[in-house]
C-alpha cells in the first residue's frame, strides 16, 4: 500500500515466463493506462512479482480501486 501511494506503483504476481514487455502490454490492454517502468523479481518460493510504475498522468490508487485490488 505504501508503494502504491508514494511511488505511483502497482505490485502483483505474474507468470514466471512473462517478460517486462509482455507485462507492460498486458497492463496497457487490461487497464487502459500508460506504464512508465516495470521491475520484476522472482521470489524464493518461485513466484514472480512485478512492480509497475504508472505514468504521471494516472493515479495508482484510483487504478487499484477500479480493478479491485483495494
PDB file of N, CA and C in Angstrom:
ATOM      1  N   UNK A   1       0.821  -1.184   0.000  1.00  0.00           N
ATOM      2  CA  UNK A   1       0.000   0.000   0.000  1.00  0.00           C
ATOM      3  C   UNK A   1       0.871   1.256   0.000  1.00  0.00           C
ATOM      4  N   UNK A   2       1.944   1.231   0.774  1.00  0.00           N
ATOM      5  CA  UNK A   2       2.830   2.388   0.844  1.00  0.00           C
ATOM      6  C   UNK A   2       3.472   2.663  -0.515  1.00  0.00           C
ATOM      7  N   UNK A   3       3.866   1.606  -1.205  1.00  0.00           N
ATOM      8  CA  UNK A   3       4.493   1.781  -2.511  1.00  0.00           C
ATOM      9  C   UNK A   3       3.487   2.344  -3.523  1.00  0.00           C
ATOM     10  N   UNK A   4       2.241   1.950  -3.383  1.00  0.00           N
ATOM     11  CA  UNK A   4       1.197   2.453  -4.275  1.00  0.00           C
ATOM     12  C   UNK A   4       1.034   3.956  -4.099  1.00  0.00           C
ATOM     13  N   UNK A   5       1.020   4.414  -2.867  1.00  0.00           N
ATOM     14  CA  UNK A   5       0.822   5.835  -2.600  1.00  0.00           C
ATOM     15  C   UNK A   5       2.057   6.665  -2.916  1.00  0.00           C
ATOM     16  N   UNK A   6       3.224   6.204  -2.488  1.00  0.00           N
ATOM     17  CA  UNK A   6       4.433   7.012  -2.600  1.00  0.00           C
ATOM     18  C   UNK A   6       5.013   7.069  -4.012  1.00  0.00           C
ATOM     19  N   UNK A   7       5.068   5.940  -4.684  1.00  0.00           N
ATOM     20  CA  UNK A   7       5.748   5.920  -5.980  1.00  0.00           C
ATOM     21  C   UNK A   7       4.819   5.626  -7.152  1.00  0.00           C
ATOM     22  N   UNK A   8       3.498   5.707  -6.926  1.00  0.00           N
ATOM     23  CA  UNK A   8       2.519   5.521  -8.004  1.00  0.00           C
ATOM     24  C   UNK A   8       2.734   4.172  -8.699  1.00  0.00           C
ATOM     25  N   UNK A   9       2.846   3.104  -7.882  1.00  0.00           N
ATOM     26  CA  UNK A   9       3.211   1.785  -8.382  1.00  0.00           C
ATOM     27  C   UNK A   9       2.193   0.732  -7.971  1.00  0.00           C
ATOM     28  N   UNK A  10       1.894  -0.168  -8.900  1.00  0.00           N
ATOM     29  CA  UNK A  10       1.064  -1.331  -8.612  1.00  0.00           C
ATOM     30  C   UNK A  10       1.971  -2.555  -8.543  1.00  0.00           C
ATOM     31  N   UNK A  11       1.742  -3.426  -7.559  1.00  0.00           N
ATOM     32  CA  UNK A  11       2.555  -4.628  -7.391  1.00  0.00           C
ATOM     33  C   UNK A  11       1.644  -5.843  -7.480  1.00  0.00           C
ATOM     34  N   UNK A  12       2.070  -6.842  -8.262  1.00  0.00           N
ATOM     35  CA  UNK A  12       1.259  -8.035  -8.442  1.00  0.00           C
ATOM     36  C   UNK A  12       2.151  -9.211  -8.795  1.00  0.00           C
ATOM     37  N   UNK A  13       1.648 -10.426  -8.578  1.00  0.00           N
ATOM     38  CA  UNK A  13       2.362 -11.611  -9.040  1.00  0.00           C
ATOM     39  C   UNK A  13       1.969 -11.877 -10.484  1.00  0.00           C
ATOM     40  N   UNK A  14       2.929 -12.340 -11.249  1.00  0.00           N
ATOM     41  CA  UNK A  14       2.720 -12.612 -12.667  1.00  0.00           C
ATOM     42  C   UNK A  14       3.284 -13.987 -12.999  1.00  0.00           C
ATOM     43  N   UNK A  15       3.047 -14.438 -14.211  1.00  0.00           N
ATOM     44  CA  UNK A  15       3.584 -15.715 -14.669  1.00  0.00           C
ATOM     45  C   UNK A  15       5.110 -15.639 -14.708  1.00  0.00           C
ATOM     46  N   UNK A  16       5.766 -16.706 -14.295  1.00  0.00           N
ATOM     47  CA  UNK A  16       7.227 -16.732 -14.240  1.00  0.00           C
ATOM     48  C   UNK A  16       7.838 -16.537 -15.629  1.00  0.00           C
ATOM     49  N   UNK A  17       7.151 -16.965 -16.666  1.00  0.00           N
ATOM     50  CA  UNK A  17       7.680 -16.862 -18.024  1.00  0.00           C
ATOM     51  C   UNK A  17       7.435 -15.497 -18.664  1.00  0.00           C
ATOM     52  N   UNK A  18       6.660 -14.639 -18.014  1.00  0.00           N
ATOM     53  CA  UNK A  18       6.348 -13.322 -18.581  1.00  0.00           C
ATOM     54  C   UNK A  18       7.561 -12.403 -18.475  1.00  0.00           C
ATOM     55  N   UNK A  19       7.827 -11.672 -19.568  1.00  0.00           N
ATOM     56  CA  UNK A  19       8.912 -10.692 -19.518  1.00  0.00           C
ATOM     57  C   UNK A  19       8.328  -9.286 -19.331  1.00  0.00           C
ATOM     58  N   UNK A  20       9.193  -8.292 -19.179  1.00  0.00           N
ATOM     59  CA  UNK A  20       8.745  -6.936 -18.884  1.00  0.00           C
ATOM     60  C   UNK A  20       7.885  -6.360 -20.003  1.00  0.00           C
ATOM     61  N   UNK A  21       8.234  -6.653 -21.231  1.00  0.00           N
ATOM     62  CA  UNK A  21       7.450  -6.154 -22.359  1.00  0.00           C
ATOM     63  C   UNK A  21       6.032  -6.736 -22.342  1.00  0.00           C
ATOM     64  N   UNK A  22       5.921  -8.027 -22.071  1.00  0.00           N
ATOM     65  CA  UNK A  22       4.606  -8.665 -22.002  1.00  0.00           C
ATOM     66  C   UNK A  22       3.774  -8.115 -20.850  1.00  0.00           C
ATOM     67  N   UNK A  23       4.410  -7.856 -19.715  1.00  0.00           N
ATOM     68  CA  UNK A  23       3.698  -7.290 -18.566  1.00  0.00           C
ATOM     69  C   UNK A  23       3.190  -5.895 -18.899  1.00  0.00           C
ATOM     70  N   UNK A  24       4.026  -5.083 -19.545  1.00  0.00           N
ATOM     71  CA  UNK A  24       3.631  -3.734 -19.942  1.00  0.00           C
ATOM     72  C   UNK A  24       2.440  -3.778 -20.884  1.00  0.00           C
ATOM     73  N   UNK A  25       2.485  -4.644 -21.877  1.00  0.00           N
ATOM     74  CA  UNK A  25       1.387  -4.759 -22.845  1.00  0.00           C
ATOM     75  C   UNK A  25       0.102  -5.220 -22.163  1.00  0.00           C
ATOM     76  N   UNK A  26       0.213  -6.145 -21.215  1.00  0.00           N
ATOM     77  CA  UNK A  26      -0.973  -6.649 -20.519  1.00  0.00           C
ATOM     78  C   UNK A  26      -1.626  -5.556 -19.673  1.00  0.00           C
ATOM     79  N   UNK A  27      -0.816  -4.752 -18.986  1.00  0.00           N
ATOM     80  CA  UNK A  27      -1.362  -3.665 -18.165  1.00  0.00           C
ATOM     81  C   UNK A  27      -2.029  -2.622 -19.052  1.00  0.00           C
ATOM     82  N   UNK A  28      -1.394  -2.293 -20.176  1.00  0.00           N
ATOM     83  CA  UNK A  28      -1.992  -1.325 -21.109  1.00  0.00           C
ATOM     84  C   UNK A  28      -3.329  -1.828 -21.642  1.00  0.00           C
ATOM     85  N   UNK A  29      -3.393  -3.107 -21.966  1.00  0.00           N
ATOM     86  CA  UNK A  29      -4.613  -3.675 -22.552  1.00  0.00           C
ATOM     87  C   UNK A  29      -5.730  -3.819 -21.511  1.00  0.00           C
ATOM     88  N   UNK A  30      -5.403  -4.341 -20.334  1.00  0.00           N
ATOM     89  CA  UNK A  30      -6.424  -4.612 -19.331  1.00  0.00           C
ATOM     90  C   UNK A  30      -6.928  -3.355 -18.623  1.00  0.00           C
ATOM     91  N   UNK A  31      -6.020  -2.446 -18.295  1.00  0.00           N
ATOM     92  CA  UNK A  31      -6.399  -1.274 -17.504  1.00  0.00           C
ATOM     93  C   UNK A  31      -6.499  -0.009 -18.332  1.00  0.00           C
ATOM     94  N   UNK A  32      -6.056  -0.050 -19.581  1.00  0.00           N
ATOM     95  CA  UNK A  32      -6.113   1.098 -20.483  1.00  0.00           C
ATOM     96  C   UNK A  32      -5.362   2.296 -19.899  1.00  0.00           C
ATOM     97  N   UNK A  33      -4.131   2.046 -19.429  1.00  0.00           N
ATOM     98  CA  UNK A  33      -3.293   3.091 -18.845  1.00  0.00           C
ATOM     99  C   UNK A  33      -1.885   2.980 -19.411  1.00  0.00           C
ATOM    100  N   UNK A  34      -1.097   4.049 -19.267  1.00  0.00           N
ATOM    101  CA  UNK A  34       0.291   4.055 -19.709  1.00  0.00           C
ATOM    102  C   UNK A  34       1.206   3.656 -18.556  1.00  0.00           C
ATOM    103  N   UNK A  35       2.265   2.958 -18.894  1.00  0.00           N
ATOM    104  CA  UNK A  35       3.217   2.453 -17.910  1.00  0.00           C
ATOM    105  C   UNK A  35       4.538   3.188 -18.075  1.00  0.00           C
ATOM    106  N   UNK A  36       5.140   3.618 -16.964  1.00  0.00           N
ATOM    107  CA  UNK A  36       6.443   4.274 -17.007  1.00  0.00           C
ATOM    108  C   UNK A  36       7.560   3.223 -16.977  1.00  0.00           C
ATOM    109  N   UNK A  37       7.572   2.372 -15.942  1.00  0.00           N
ATOM    110  CA  UNK A  37       8.600   1.338 -15.829  1.00  0.00           C
ATOM    111  C   UNK A  37       8.009   0.065 -15.237  1.00  0.00           C
ATOM    112  N   UNK A  38       8.703  -1.041 -15.491  1.00  0.00           N
ATOM    113  CA  UNK A  38       8.330  -2.334 -14.897  1.00  0.00           C
ATOM    114  C   UNK A  38       9.588  -2.936 -14.276  1.00  0.00           C
ATOM    115  N   UNK A  39       9.483  -3.335 -13.020  1.00  0.00           N
ATOM    116  CA  UNK A  39      10.570  -4.032 -12.334  1.00  0.00           C
ATOM    117  C   UNK A  39      10.040  -5.393 -11.916  1.00  0.00           C
ATOM    118  N   UNK A  40      10.863  -6.424 -12.099  1.00  0.00           N
ATOM    119  CA  UNK A  40      10.432  -7.776 -11.745  1.00  0.00           C
ATOM    120  C   UNK A  40      11.459  -8.420 -10.824  1.00  0.00           C
ATOM    121  N   UNK A  41      10.959  -9.381 -10.038  1.00  0.00           N
ATOM    122  CA  UNK A  41      11.848 -10.215  -9.237  1.00  0.00           C
ATOM    123  C   UNK A  41      11.184 -11.559  -9.027  1.00  0.00           C
ATOM    124  N   UNK A  42      12.005 -12.577  -8.905  1.00  0.00           N
ATOM    125  CA  UNK A  42      11.498 -13.917  -8.633  1.00  0.00           C
ATOM    126  C   UNK A  42      11.733 -14.193  -7.152  1.00  0.00           C
ATOM    127  N   UNK A  43      10.639 -14.473  -6.457  1.00  0.00           N
ATOM    128  CA  UNK A  43      10.695 -14.695  -5.015  1.00  0.00           C
ATOM    129  C   UNK A  43      11.298 -16.066  -4.716  1.00  0.00           C
ATOM    130  N   UNK A  44      11.645 -16.269  -3.465  1.00  0.00           N
ATOM    131  CA  UNK A  44      12.252 -17.537  -3.055  1.00  0.00           C
ATOM    132  C   UNK A  44      11.311 -18.723  -3.244  1.00  0.00           C
ATOM    133  N   UNK A  45       9.999 -18.480  -3.170  1.00  0.00           N
ATOM    134  CA  UNK A  45       9.048 -19.578  -3.362  1.00  0.00           C
ATOM    135  C   UNK A  45       8.771 -19.863  -4.841  1.00  0.00           C
ATOM    136  N   UNK A  46       9.468 -19.171  -5.756  1.00  0.00           N
ATOM    137  CA  UNK A  46       9.356 -19.453  -7.179  1.00  0.00           C
ATOM    138  C   UNK A  46       8.365 -18.588  -7.933  1.00  0.00           C
ATOM    139  N   UNK A  47       7.622 -17.734  -7.249  1.00  0.00           N
ATOM    140  CA  UNK A  47       6.676 -16.849  -7.927  1.00  0.00           C
ATOM    141  C   UNK A  47       7.379 -15.585  -8.375  1.00  0.00           C
ATOM    142  N   UNK A  48       6.870 -14.984  -9.460  1.00  0.00           N
ATOM    143  CA  UNK A  48       7.446 -13.756  -9.991  1.00  0.00           C
ATOM    144  C   UNK A  48       6.570 -12.584  -9.588  1.00  0.00           C
ATOM    145  N   UNK A  49       7.191 -11.527  -9.096  1.00  0.00           N
ATOM    146  CA  UNK A  49       6.477 -10.334  -8.668  1.00  0.00           C
ATOM    147  C   UNK A  49       6.866  -9.188  -9.582  1.00  0.00           C
ATOM    148  N   UNK A  50       5.877  -8.417 -10.033  1.00  0.00           N
ATOM    149  CA  UNK A  50       6.123  -7.281 -10.907  1.00  0.00           C
ATOM    150  C   UNK A  50       5.656  -6.000 -10.229  1.00  0.00           C
ATOM    151  N   UNK A  51       6.518  -4.980 -10.262  1.00  0.00           N
ATOM    152  CA  UNK A  51       6.171  -3.648  -9.789  1.00  0.00           C
ATOM    153  C   UNK A  51       6.040  -2.761 -11.015  1.00  0.00           C
ATOM    154  N   UNK A  52       4.827  -2.276 -11.253  1.00  0.00           N
ATOM    155  CA  UNK A  52       4.541  -1.483 -12.444  1.00  0.00           C
ATOM    156  C   UNK A  52       4.333  -0.036 -12.013  1.00  0.00           C
ATOM    157  N   UNK A  53       5.267   0.835 -12.402  1.00  0.00           N
ATOM    158  CA  UNK A  53       5.125   2.256 -12.093  1.00  0.00           C
ATOM    159  C   UNK A  53       4.338   2.903 -13.222  1.00  0.00           C
ATOM    160  N   UNK A  54       3.262   3.588 -12.853  1.00  0.00           N
ATOM    161  CA  UNK A  54       2.380   4.193 -13.835  1.00  0.00           C
ATOM    162  C   UNK A  54       2.917   5.542 -14.289  1.00  0.00           C
ATOM    163  N   UNK A  55       2.470   5.965 -15.463  1.00  0.00           N
ATOM    164  CA  UNK A  55       2.825   7.281 -15.973  1.00  0.00           C
ATOM    165  C   UNK A  55       2.260   8.344 -15.035  1.00  0.00           C
ATOM    166  N   UNK A  56       2.870   9.520 -14.996  1.00  0.00           N
ATOM    167  CA  UNK A  56       2.414  10.570 -14.075  1.00  0.00           C
ATOM    168  C   UNK A  56       0.952  10.999 -14.275  1.00  0.00           C
ATOM    169  N   UNK A  57       0.387  10.732 -15.440  1.00  0.00           N
ATOM    170  CA  UNK A  57      -0.996  11.116 -15.731  1.00  0.00           C
ATOM    171  C   UNK A  57      -2.010  10.290 -14.944  1.00  0.00           C
ATOM    172  N   UNK A  58      -1.597   9.131 -14.419  1.00  0.00           N
ATOM    173  CA  UNK A  58      -2.514   8.206 -13.766  1.00  0.00           C
ATOM    174  C   UNK A  58      -2.194   8.089 -12.276  1.00  0.00           C
ATOM    175  N   UNK A  59      -3.220   7.820 -11.486  1.00  0.00           N
ATOM    176  CA  UNK A  59      -3.059   7.629 -10.050  1.00  0.00           C
ATOM    177  C   UNK A  59      -3.217   6.146  -9.731  1.00  0.00           C
ATOM    178  N   UNK A  60      -2.203   5.561  -9.104  1.00  0.00           N
ATOM    179  CA  UNK A  60      -2.216   4.129  -8.816  1.00  0.00           C
ATOM    180  C   UNK A  60      -3.347   3.745  -7.869  1.00  0.00           C
ATOM    181  N   UNK A  61      -3.700   4.609  -6.928  1.00  0.00           N
ATOM    182  CA  UNK A  61      -4.799   4.298  -6.011  1.00  0.00           C
ATOM    183  C   UNK A  61      -6.122   4.207  -6.759  1.00  0.00           C
ATOM    184  N   UNK A  62      -6.351   5.107  -7.697  1.00  0.00           N
ATOM    185  CA  UNK A  62      -7.583   5.060  -8.488  1.00  0.00           C
ATOM    186  C   UNK A  62      -7.642   3.797  -9.339  1.00  0.00           C
ATOM    187  N   UNK A  63      -6.515   3.443  -9.942  1.00  0.00           N
ATOM    188  CA  UNK A  63      -6.460   2.239 -10.777  1.00  0.00           C
ATOM    189  C   UNK A  63      -6.666   0.995  -9.913  1.00  0.00           C
ATOM    190  N   UNK A  64      -6.060   0.956  -8.730  1.00  0.00           N
ATOM    191  CA  UNK A  64      -6.207  -0.190  -7.823  1.00  0.00           C
ATOM    192  C   UNK A  64      -7.665  -0.348  -7.383  1.00  0.00           C
ATOM    193  N   UNK A  65      -8.337   0.756  -7.109  1.00  0.00           N
ATOM    194  CA  UNK A  65      -9.753   0.694  -6.756  1.00  0.00           C
ATOM    195  C   UNK A  65     -10.591   0.197  -7.927  1.00  0.00           C
ATOM    196  N   UNK A  66     -10.254   0.651  -9.120  1.00  0.00           N
ATOM    197  CA  UNK A  66     -11.001   0.280 -10.326  1.00  0.00           C
ATOM    198  C   UNK A  66     -10.909  -1.226 -10.616  1.00  0.00           C
ATOM    199  N   UNK A  67      -9.719  -1.800 -10.432  1.00  0.00           N
ATOM    200  CA  UNK A  67      -9.563  -3.221 -10.755  1.00  0.00           C
ATOM    201  C   UNK A  67      -9.796  -4.137  -9.565  1.00  0.00           C
ATOM    202  N   UNK A  68     -10.022  -3.551  -8.380  1.00  0.00           N
ATOM    203  CA  UNK A  68     -10.417  -4.358  -7.231  1.00  0.00           C
ATOM    204  C   UNK A  68      -9.299  -4.828  -6.324  1.00  0.00           C
ATOM    205  N   UNK A  69      -8.121  -4.239  -6.422  1.00  0.00           N
ATOM    206  CA  UNK A  69      -7.018  -4.625  -5.533  1.00  0.00           C
ATOM    207  C   UNK A  69      -7.286  -4.105  -4.126  1.00  0.00           C
ATOM    208  N   UNK A  70      -7.799  -2.890  -4.043  1.00  0.00           N
ATOM    209  CA  UNK A  70      -8.075  -2.284  -2.729  1.00  0.00           C
ATOM    210  C   UNK A  70      -9.548  -2.382  -2.456  1.00  0.00           C
TER     211      UNK A  70
END
